[in-house]
Amino acid sequence: MIRELRWNDLEDLVANYYSYYDELKDTPDFGISFYKERPDYSSEVEWFSGLFREIVEGNALAVVAEENGKVVGLCDVHRVRPGTELDHSAVLGIAIRKGYRGKGLGGLMMKKIIELSKGKFEILKLEVFSVNSRAINLYRRLGFVEYSNFPKAVKRGDRYYDLIQMYFTL
C-alpha cells in the first residue's frame, strides 16, 4: 500500500535507514549518499520532526510503501529554497528497504508523489548514481529527463561515483 507519511512511521523509517548502512558493507555501489558515520537516534528524530514541519509548512510531501503493517520505503520531495525564485522546484528522494525492491513499489511511490506535487511545485529534480541503471530506467519511464552528469560527485572510501541529474516538469 502506498500512503502519505504518518507520525507513527518514525520507528520503521529509522530501522530502514539504519539497514541501509548495514547493506552498504556488502554493496559498496549502494545508490544513496550517506553520512560518514551512522546518525544517532536523536538525529533521526530531529530529521523526522523537520520533515513533518516542512510538510505542515507546505514545503514538502512524503509517501511511504507499507507491506504487512511495516513501512518499507519512503519517497519525499522538498521545496528548493522556500520564499525565493527557486521555490517552484522540489528535490525528490526515494529509498526502499532490501527485500522489497524490484516489486514495483518505487514506481508506485513516485507516481503518487508526482500526483501530489501537481499544483504545489512545477519541477521535480533528482540525482541518481550513474551505476544505478535500474533506477535510471524507472525515472525515464516516468518522464524524468537527464540534464547533467556530475562527475565524481560522491566519494565513498577511495572510490568515486558520478551522479546523473534529472528533472520532471509537472
Protein backbone atom coordinates (compact mmCIF):
# COMPACT_ATOMS: atom_id res chain seq x y z
CA MET A 1 0.00 0.00 0.00
CA ILE A 2 1.21 3.49 -0.86
CA ARG A 3 0.06 6.23 1.50
CA GLU A 4 1.07 9.59 2.90
CA LEU A 5 3.54 9.73 5.77
CA ARG A 6 2.23 9.46 9.34
CA TRP A 7 3.82 10.50 12.61
CA ASN A 8 3.91 6.89 13.83
CA ASP A 9 6.12 5.85 10.86
CA LEU A 10 9.24 7.08 12.66
CA GLU A 11 10.42 3.73 14.07
CA ASP A 12 10.10 1.87 10.76
CA LEU A 13 11.85 4.65 8.84
CA VAL A 14 14.75 4.77 11.27
CA ALA A 15 15.09 0.97 11.11
CA ASN A 16 15.06 1.16 7.29
CA TYR A 17 17.68 3.89 7.24
CA TYR A 18 19.95 2.02 9.62
CA SER A 19 19.57 -1.11 7.46
CA TYR A 20 20.99 0.86 4.51
CA TYR A 21 24.22 1.37 6.47
CA ASP A 22 24.41 -2.39 7.05
CA GLU A 23 23.70 -3.04 3.37
CA LEU A 24 26.46 -0.66 2.33
CA LYS A 25 29.03 -3.04 3.84
CA ASP A 26 28.08 -5.73 1.29
CA THR A 27 27.09 -3.42 -1.57
CA PRO A 28 29.60 -0.57 -1.94
CA ASP A 29 27.72 0.72 -5.02
CA PHE A 30 24.53 1.20 -2.96
CA GLY A 31 22.83 4.16 -4.61
CA ILE A 32 22.18 6.69 -1.86
CA SER A 33 24.64 9.05 -0.23
CA PHE A 34 25.46 8.53 3.42
CA TYR A 35 26.86 10.41 6.36
CA LYS A 36 30.36 9.19 7.15
CA GLU A 37 29.03 7.86 10.46
CA ARG A 38 25.57 6.45 11.08
CA PRO A 39 23.50 9.19 12.78
CA ASP A 40 22.32 8.53 16.31
CA TYR A 41 18.66 8.09 17.13
CA SER A 42 18.16 11.66 18.35
CA SER A 43 19.45 12.95 14.99
CA GLU A 44 16.91 10.75 13.24
CA VAL A 45 14.10 12.09 15.43
CA GLU A 46 15.25 15.62 14.57
CA TRP A 47 15.26 14.76 10.83
CA PHE A 48 11.77 13.24 11.06
CA SER A 49 10.41 16.22 13.00
CA GLY A 50 11.92 18.56 10.42
CA LEU A 51 10.29 16.63 7.60
CA PHE A 52 6.90 16.92 9.31
CA ARG A 53 7.44 20.65 9.88
CA GLU A 54 8.21 21.11 6.17
CA ILE A 55 5.06 19.17 5.24
CA VAL A 56 2.91 21.33 7.54
CA GLU A 57 4.51 24.49 6.10
CA GLY A 58 3.70 23.32 2.56
CA ASN A 59 7.34 22.87 1.60
CA ALA A 60 7.49 19.07 1.43
CA LEU A 61 5.47 15.97 0.66
CA ALA A 62 6.17 12.37 1.64
CA VAL A 63 4.66 9.00 0.86
CA VAL A 64 5.59 5.56 2.14
CA ALA A 65 5.23 2.00 0.92
CA GLU A 66 3.73 -0.25 3.57
CA GLU A 67 3.86 -4.06 3.47
CA ASN A 68 2.38 -6.26 6.20
CA GLY A 69 2.00 -3.29 8.55
CA LYS A 70 5.62 -2.15 8.17
CA VAL A 71 6.92 0.86 6.26
CA VAL A 72 9.49 -0.43 3.75
CA GLY A 73 10.04 2.64 1.55
CA LEU A 74 9.94 6.42 1.55
CA CYS A 75 9.62 8.91 -1.29
CA ASP A 76 9.71 12.60 -0.48
CA VAL A 77 10.05 15.97 -2.16
CA HIS A 78 11.38 19.17 -0.58
CA ARG A 79 10.89 22.65 -1.97
CA VAL A 80 14.14 24.24 -3.16
CA ARG A 81 14.77 27.39 -1.08
CA PRO A 82 11.27 28.41 0.04
CA GLY A 83 10.48 32.08 -0.47
CA THR A 84 12.97 32.53 -3.31
CA GLU A 85 12.82 32.48 -7.08
CA LEU A 86 13.71 28.78 -6.90
CA ASP A 87 10.76 27.66 -4.80
CA HIS A 88 8.72 26.41 -7.78
CA SER A 89 11.00 23.36 -7.85
CA ALA A 90 11.50 20.50 -5.44
CA VAL A 91 14.13 17.82 -4.87
CA LEU A 92 12.94 14.22 -4.83
CA GLY A 93 14.44 11.37 -2.85
CA ILE A 94 13.48 7.72 -2.65
CA ALA A 95 14.70 4.65 -0.78
CA ILE A 96 13.31 1.14 -0.42
CA ARG A 97 14.41 -1.48 2.07
CA LYS A 98 16.30 -4.51 0.75
CA GLY A 99 13.98 -7.39 0.06
CA TYR A 100 11.23 -5.08 -1.20
CA ARG A 101 12.98 -3.69 -4.26
CA GLY A 102 12.03 -4.89 -7.72
CA LYS A 103 8.35 -5.29 -6.80
CA GLY A 104 7.12 -2.03 -8.31
CA LEU A 105 6.95 -0.08 -5.03
CA GLY A 106 9.36 2.59 -6.26
CA GLY A 107 7.24 3.30 -9.32
CA LEU A 108 4.05 3.39 -7.25
CA MET A 109 5.55 5.80 -4.71
CA MET A 110 6.92 8.03 -7.45
CA LYS A 111 3.57 8.13 -9.28
CA LYS A 112 1.84 9.09 -6.02
CA ILE A 113 4.37 11.81 -5.16
CA ILE A 114 4.11 13.21 -8.70
CA GLU A 115 0.32 13.29 -8.38
CA LEU A 116 0.52 15.06 -5.00
CA SER A 117 3.11 17.53 -6.34
CA LYS A 118 0.85 18.86 -9.10
CA GLY A 119 -0.31 22.37 -8.23
CA LYS A 120 2.28 22.60 -5.44
CA PHE A 121 5.51 22.50 -7.49
CA GLU A 122 6.33 22.98 -11.17
CA ILE A 123 9.53 20.94 -11.47
CA LEU A 124 10.86 17.91 -9.61
CA LYS A 125 14.60 17.25 -9.62
CA LEU A 126 16.61 14.24 -8.52
CA GLU A 127 20.11 12.84 -8.54
CA VAL A 128 20.91 9.19 -9.12
CA PHE A 129 24.16 7.25 -9.06
CA SER A 130 25.21 6.63 -12.67
CA VAL A 131 25.75 2.93 -11.81
CA ASN A 132 22.09 2.56 -10.74
CA SER A 133 20.67 1.65 -14.15
CA ARG A 134 17.50 0.14 -12.68
CA ALA A 135 16.53 3.44 -11.02
CA ILE A 136 17.56 5.48 -14.07
CA ASN A 137 15.31 3.35 -16.27
CA LEU A 138 12.39 3.81 -13.85
CA TYR A 139 12.86 7.58 -13.79
CA ARG A 140 12.99 7.72 -17.59
CA ARG A 141 9.82 5.60 -17.89
CA LEU A 142 8.06 8.05 -15.57
CA GLY A 143 9.12 11.00 -17.74
CA PHE A 144 12.22 12.33 -15.99
CA VAL A 145 14.79 13.83 -18.36
CA GLU A 146 18.56 13.83 -17.81
CA TYR A 147 20.09 17.29 -17.84
CA SER A 148 23.54 16.83 -16.35
CA ASN A 149 26.21 14.42 -15.22
CA PHE A 150 28.12 15.45 -12.11
CA PRO A 151 31.43 13.54 -12.28
CA LYS A 152 32.95 12.25 -9.05
CA ALA A 153 30.11 13.79 -7.06
CA VAL A 154 30.23 11.13 -4.34
CA LYS A 155 33.42 9.88 -2.73
CA ARG A 156 32.93 6.63 -0.83
CA GLY A 157 36.21 5.49 0.65
CA ASP A 158 38.68 5.62 -2.21
CA ARG A 159 36.04 5.26 -4.94
CA TYR A 160 34.14 8.00 -6.78
CA TYR A 161 30.63 7.89 -8.21
CA ASP A 162 29.08 10.14 -10.83
CA LEU A 163 25.59 11.48 -10.26
CA ILE A 164 23.12 11.87 -13.09
CA GLN A 165 20.80 14.81 -12.55
CA MET A 166 17.25 14.56 -13.91
CA TYR A 167 14.09 16.68 -13.88
CA PHE A 168 10.38 16.25 -14.42
CA THR A 169 8.03 19.07 -15.44
CA LEU A 170 4.64 18.86 -13.74
